[in-house]
Amino acid sequence: MRQFPGWIGVDIKGTLERAFGLPVTVANDANCMLLGEVWAGAAKGYTDVIGVTLGTGVGGGILTGGRLLEGARGLGGELGHFRLHALDGVACTCGAIGCYERYAATTALVRSAQKAGLDAPDGRAIFEAAAAGDARTLAVLNGWINEIAQGLAGLVHIFNPQLILIGGGVSAQQALLIDPLAAQVRKSIMPAFAEGLELKAAALQNDAGLVGAVYYFKQQ
């Protein structure tokens, strides 16, 4: 979750309702991604889902028993900031050390590739090199996938989902990301949790959040 100077404590809902004379709901963007997929996408028909978006950071949403987990103040499901390497990890923009998004975001993949001396301006270049069979790129990519998988394994043991849904631009990489990630997660969890567990890419792409925001509004 990122803080925006000058917006802390602003009554967004009330301000928009007064300005437009219409009812307004406010929801987290990653939660909306998950709800969009539940309503009209790859998670339709599921009741227990972990949704993770991989991009500049890591966003997420959790559906449990058919209900969105929002927490006491609507802040639940902030998956990017549980501590995967709390003792010796990379400093995070939130002020903590070793947060999940510092290892699982697409920016973390790019950072690792550049640290390894690869010509990797962005995620697309990395996946192109991996698809061409470059061994060093594949090694970096596999290390990144393992970091994502270890975080997901912890979440699976807490929430026991039917489905893990991966969003973000990199989710289009079925052979190089989705398939090996699914295999790594299954290897990293207790057998009972792996029974019936699916992992797949989100279907609605950039429209998922907008669709989910409509669904969230309809539910209130």
Protein backbone atom coordinates (compact mmCIF):
# COMPACT_ATOMS: atom_id res chain seq x y z
CA MET A 1 0.00 0.00 0.00
CA ARG A 2 1.48 3.36 -1.01
CA GLN A 3 0.82 6.60 0.83
CA PHE A 4 0.08 9.70 -1.24
CA PRO A 5 1.16 13.01 0.36
CA GLY A 6 -1.77 15.40 0.74
CA TRP A 7 -4.36 12.60 0.42
CA ILE A 8 -4.02 11.02 3.87
CA GLY A 9 -7.36 11.17 5.66
CA VAL A 10 -9.24 12.69 2.70
CA ASP A 11 -12.92 11.70 2.58
CA ILE A 12 -12.89 10.52 -1.05
CA LYS A 13 -16.28 8.85 -0.83
CA GLY A 14 -18.04 11.84 0.71
CA THR A 15 -16.33 14.35 -1.58
CA LEU A 16 -17.38 12.50 -4.74
CA GLU A 17 -20.93 11.93 -3.47
CA ARG A 18 -21.34 15.63 -2.76
CA ALA A 19 -19.83 16.61 -6.11
CA PHE A 20 -21.93 14.26 -8.26
CA GLY A 21 -24.99 13.64 -6.14
CA LEU A 22 -24.57 9.89 -6.60
CA PRO A 23 -23.71 7.00 -4.25
CA VAL A 24 -20.01 6.09 -4.23
CA THR A 25 -17.99 3.12 -2.97
CA VAL A 26 -14.20 3.09 -2.62
CA ALA A 27 -12.20 -0.14 -2.84
CA ASN A 28 -8.61 -1.30 -3.23
CA ASP A 29 -7.55 -1.81 -6.85
CA ALA A 30 -6.15 -5.32 -6.35
CA ASN A 31 -9.29 -6.35 -4.48
CA CYS A 32 -11.28 -5.07 -7.45
CA MET A 33 -9.11 -7.13 -9.80
CA LEU A 34 -10.00 -10.24 -7.83
CA LEU A 35 -13.71 -9.38 -7.69
CA GLY A 36 -13.78 -8.75 -11.43
CA GLU A 37 -12.30 -12.18 -12.07
CA VAL A 38 -14.77 -13.77 -9.62
CA TRP A 39 -17.71 -12.05 -11.28
CA ALA A 40 -16.82 -12.46 -14.94
CA GLY A 41 -13.36 -13.95 -15.34
CA ALA A 42 -11.08 -16.86 -14.51
CA ALA A 43 -12.30 -17.18 -10.89
CA LYS A 44 -16.00 -17.40 -11.71
CA GLY A 45 -17.64 -20.16 -9.67
CA TYR A 46 -14.90 -20.30 -7.01
CA THR A 47 -15.42 -19.41 -3.35
CA ASP A 48 -11.82 -19.46 -2.04
CA VAL A 49 -9.26 -17.61 -4.14
CA ILE A 50 -5.94 -15.84 -3.64
CA GLY A 51 -5.42 -13.18 -6.31
CA VAL A 52 -1.94 -11.73 -6.82
CA THR A 53 -0.93 -9.00 -9.24
CA LEU A 54 2.74 -8.82 -10.23
CA GLY A 55 3.91 -5.47 -11.54
CA THR A 56 5.77 -2.46 -10.14
CA GLY A 57 4.78 -3.86 -6.76
CA VAL A 58 2.66 -6.79 -5.62
CA GLY A 59 -1.05 -6.32 -5.06
CA GLY A 60 -3.49 -8.88 -3.86
CA GLY A 61 -6.94 -9.87 -2.80
CA ILE A 62 -8.34 -12.81 -0.89
CA LEU A 63 -11.74 -14.42 -1.31
CA THR A 64 -12.67 -16.81 1.50
CA GLY A 65 -16.00 -18.57 1.77
CA GLY A 66 -17.28 -16.46 -1.11
CA ARG A 67 -16.55 -13.18 0.68
CA LEU A 68 -13.79 -10.64 0.10
CA LEU A 69 -11.44 -10.41 3.06
CA GLU A 70 -11.30 -6.69 3.90
CA GLY A 71 -10.24 -6.66 7.55
CA ALA A 72 -11.34 -4.28 10.29
CA ARG A 73 -10.79 -1.07 8.27
CA GLY A 74 -10.91 -2.29 4.68
CA LEU A 75 -7.15 -2.78 4.53
CA GLY A 76 -7.04 -6.60 4.49
CA GLY A 77 -5.33 -8.57 1.74
CA GLU A 78 -2.26 -6.33 1.44
CA LEU A 79 -0.10 -9.18 0.16
CA GLY A 80 2.86 -7.12 -0.99
CA HIS A 81 3.96 -6.28 2.54
CA PHE A 82 4.20 -9.45 4.52
CA ARG A 83 7.87 -10.09 5.35
CA LEU A 84 9.51 -12.83 3.32
CA HIS A 85 13.09 -11.88 4.35
CA ALA A 86 12.56 -9.89 7.53
CA LEU A 87 16.05 -10.31 9.02
CA ASP A 88 18.33 -9.70 6.05
CA GLY A 89 16.12 -8.49 3.21
CA VAL A 90 15.92 -5.58 0.81
CA ALA A 91 14.56 -2.30 2.18
CA CYS A 92 11.01 -1.59 1.06
CA THR A 93 9.32 1.71 0.17
CA CYS A 94 6.96 1.15 3.13
CA GLY A 95 9.90 1.48 5.54
CA ALA A 96 10.19 -2.20 6.43
CA ILE A 97 12.75 -4.82 5.43
CA GLY A 98 12.22 -7.88 3.23
CA CYS A 99 8.64 -7.31 2.04
CA TYR A 100 7.22 -9.80 -0.46
CA GLU A 101 6.93 -7.26 -3.26
CA ARG A 102 10.67 -6.52 -3.10
CA TYR A 103 11.22 -10.11 -4.27
CA ALA A 104 8.09 -11.03 -6.23
CA ALA A 105 7.30 -7.89 -8.24
CA THR A 106 8.30 -7.65 -11.89
CA THR A 107 10.62 -4.81 -10.87
CA ALA A 108 12.40 -7.30 -8.59
CA LEU A 109 12.97 -9.59 -11.56
CA VAL A 110 14.48 -6.71 -13.55
CA ARG A 111 16.64 -5.71 -10.59
CA SER A 112 17.96 -9.26 -10.20
CA ALA A 113 18.69 -9.55 -13.92
CA GLN A 114 20.63 -6.29 -13.97
CA LYS A 115 22.55 -7.30 -10.84
CA ALA A 116 23.55 -10.48 -12.70
CA GLY A 117 24.97 -8.33 -15.51
CA LEU A 118 22.22 -9.01 -18.02
CA ASP A 119 20.95 -6.51 -20.56
CA ALA A 120 17.47 -6.33 -19.05
CA PRO A 121 15.71 -2.96 -19.34
CA ASP A 122 12.31 -4.48 -18.54
CA GLY A 123 10.40 -7.70 -17.97
CA ARG A 124 9.60 -8.13 -21.65
CA ALA A 125 13.28 -8.25 -22.57
CA ILE A 126 13.92 -10.83 -19.86
CA PHE A 127 11.14 -13.13 -21.05
CA GLU A 128 12.31 -12.77 -24.66
CA ALA A 129 15.82 -13.82 -23.67
CA ALA A 130 14.45 -16.69 -21.59
CA ALA A 131 12.30 -17.87 -24.50
CA ALA A 132 15.42 -17.87 -26.66
CA GLY A 133 17.05 -20.21 -24.16
CA ASP A 134 19.63 -17.90 -22.59
CA ALA A 135 20.93 -19.88 -19.60
CA ARG A 136 21.80 -16.92 -17.36
CA THR A 137 18.41 -15.32 -17.93
CA LEU A 138 16.64 -18.61 -17.20
CA ALA A 139 18.56 -18.93 -13.93
CA VAL A 140 17.48 -15.45 -12.83
CA LEU A 141 13.90 -16.13 -13.91
CA ASN A 142 13.80 -19.40 -11.98
CA GLY A 143 15.10 -17.68 -8.86
CA TRP A 144 12.34 -15.07 -9.13
CA ILE A 145 9.67 -17.71 -9.65
CA ASN A 146 10.89 -19.51 -6.53
CA GLU A 147 10.54 -16.31 -4.48
CA ILE A 148 6.96 -15.89 -5.71
CA ALA A 149 6.22 -19.53 -4.98
CA GLN A 150 7.53 -19.44 -1.41
CA GLY A 151 5.29 -16.50 -0.57
CA LEU A 152 2.31 -18.20 -2.17
CA ALA A 153 3.04 -21.40 -0.26
CA GLY A 154 2.72 -19.54 3.02
CA LEU A 155 -0.58 -18.02 1.92
CA VAL A 156 -1.89 -21.40 0.80
CA HIS A 157 -1.19 -22.83 4.26
CA ILE A 158 -3.12 -19.97 5.86
CA PHE A 159 -6.13 -19.71 3.52
CA ASN A 160 -6.40 -23.16 1.86
CA PRO A 161 -7.69 -21.76 -1.46
CA GLN A 162 -9.17 -23.59 -4.43
CA LEU A 163 -7.41 -21.24 -6.83
CA ILE A 164 -4.42 -18.93 -7.04
CA LEU A 165 -4.95 -16.29 -9.68
CA ILE A 166 -1.96 -14.41 -11.15
CA GLY A 167 -2.52 -10.98 -12.66
CA GLY A 168 -0.31 -8.30 -14.18
CA GLY A 169 1.28 -8.14 -17.61
CA VAL A 170 3.64 -11.04 -16.90
CA SER A 171 0.68 -13.39 -16.36
CA ALA A 172 0.51 -13.82 -20.15
CA GLN A 173 3.71 -15.91 -19.89
CA GLN A 174 2.10 -19.35 -19.55
CA ALA A 175 5.09 -21.58 -20.31
CA LEU A 176 7.77 -19.42 -18.69
CA LEU A 177 5.85 -18.29 -15.58
CA ILE A 178 2.43 -19.80 -14.89
CA ASP A 179 3.32 -23.46 -15.48
CA PRO A 180 6.63 -23.52 -13.55
CA LEU A 181 5.13 -21.37 -10.77
CA ALA A 182 2.25 -23.82 -10.34
CA ALA A 183 4.71 -26.71 -10.14
CA GLN A 184 6.92 -24.90 -7.63
CA VAL A 185 3.98 -23.99 -5.38
CA ARG A 186 2.78 -27.60 -5.32
CA LYS A 187 6.30 -28.76 -4.37
CA SER A 188 6.39 -26.23 -1.53
CA ILE A 189 3.13 -27.05 0.27
CA MET A 190 1.85 -29.95 2.31
CA PRO A 191 0.15 -32.60 0.14
CA ALA A 192 -3.31 -32.07 1.61
CA PHE A 193 -3.23 -28.40 0.58
CA ALA A 194 -2.24 -29.32 -2.97
CA GLU A 195 -5.30 -31.49 -3.54
CA GLY A 196 -7.53 -29.74 -6.06
CA LEU A 197 -5.46 -26.55 -5.96
CA GLU A 198 -5.30 -24.67 -9.26
CA LEU A 199 -3.04 -21.82 -10.34
CA LYS A 200 -3.84 -19.85 -13.47
CA ALA A 201 -3.60 -16.46 -15.11
CA ALA A 202 -6.26 -13.79 -14.72
CA ALA A 203 -8.51 -13.49 -17.76
CA LEU A 204 -9.78 -9.89 -17.85
CA GLN A 205 -6.34 -8.22 -18.10
CA ASN A 206 -6.55 -4.43 -17.66
CA ASP A 207 -10.34 -4.47 -17.40
CA ALA A 208 -10.41 -6.64 -14.27
CA GLY A 209 -10.20 -3.74 -11.80
CA LEU A 210 -12.94 -1.76 -13.53
CA VAL A 211 -15.25 -4.78 -13.71
CA GLY A 212 -14.53 -5.56 -10.05
CA ALA A 213 -15.25 -1.99 -8.97
CA VAL A 214 -18.72 -2.28 -10.54
CA TYR A 215 -19.26 -5.62 -8.79
CA TYR A 216 -18.13 -4.16 -5.44
CA PHE A 217 -20.55 -1.27 -5.86
CA LYS A 218 -23.40 -3.64 -6.68
CA GLN A 219 -22.69 -5.68 -3.55
CA GLN A 220 -22.89 -2.75 -1.13
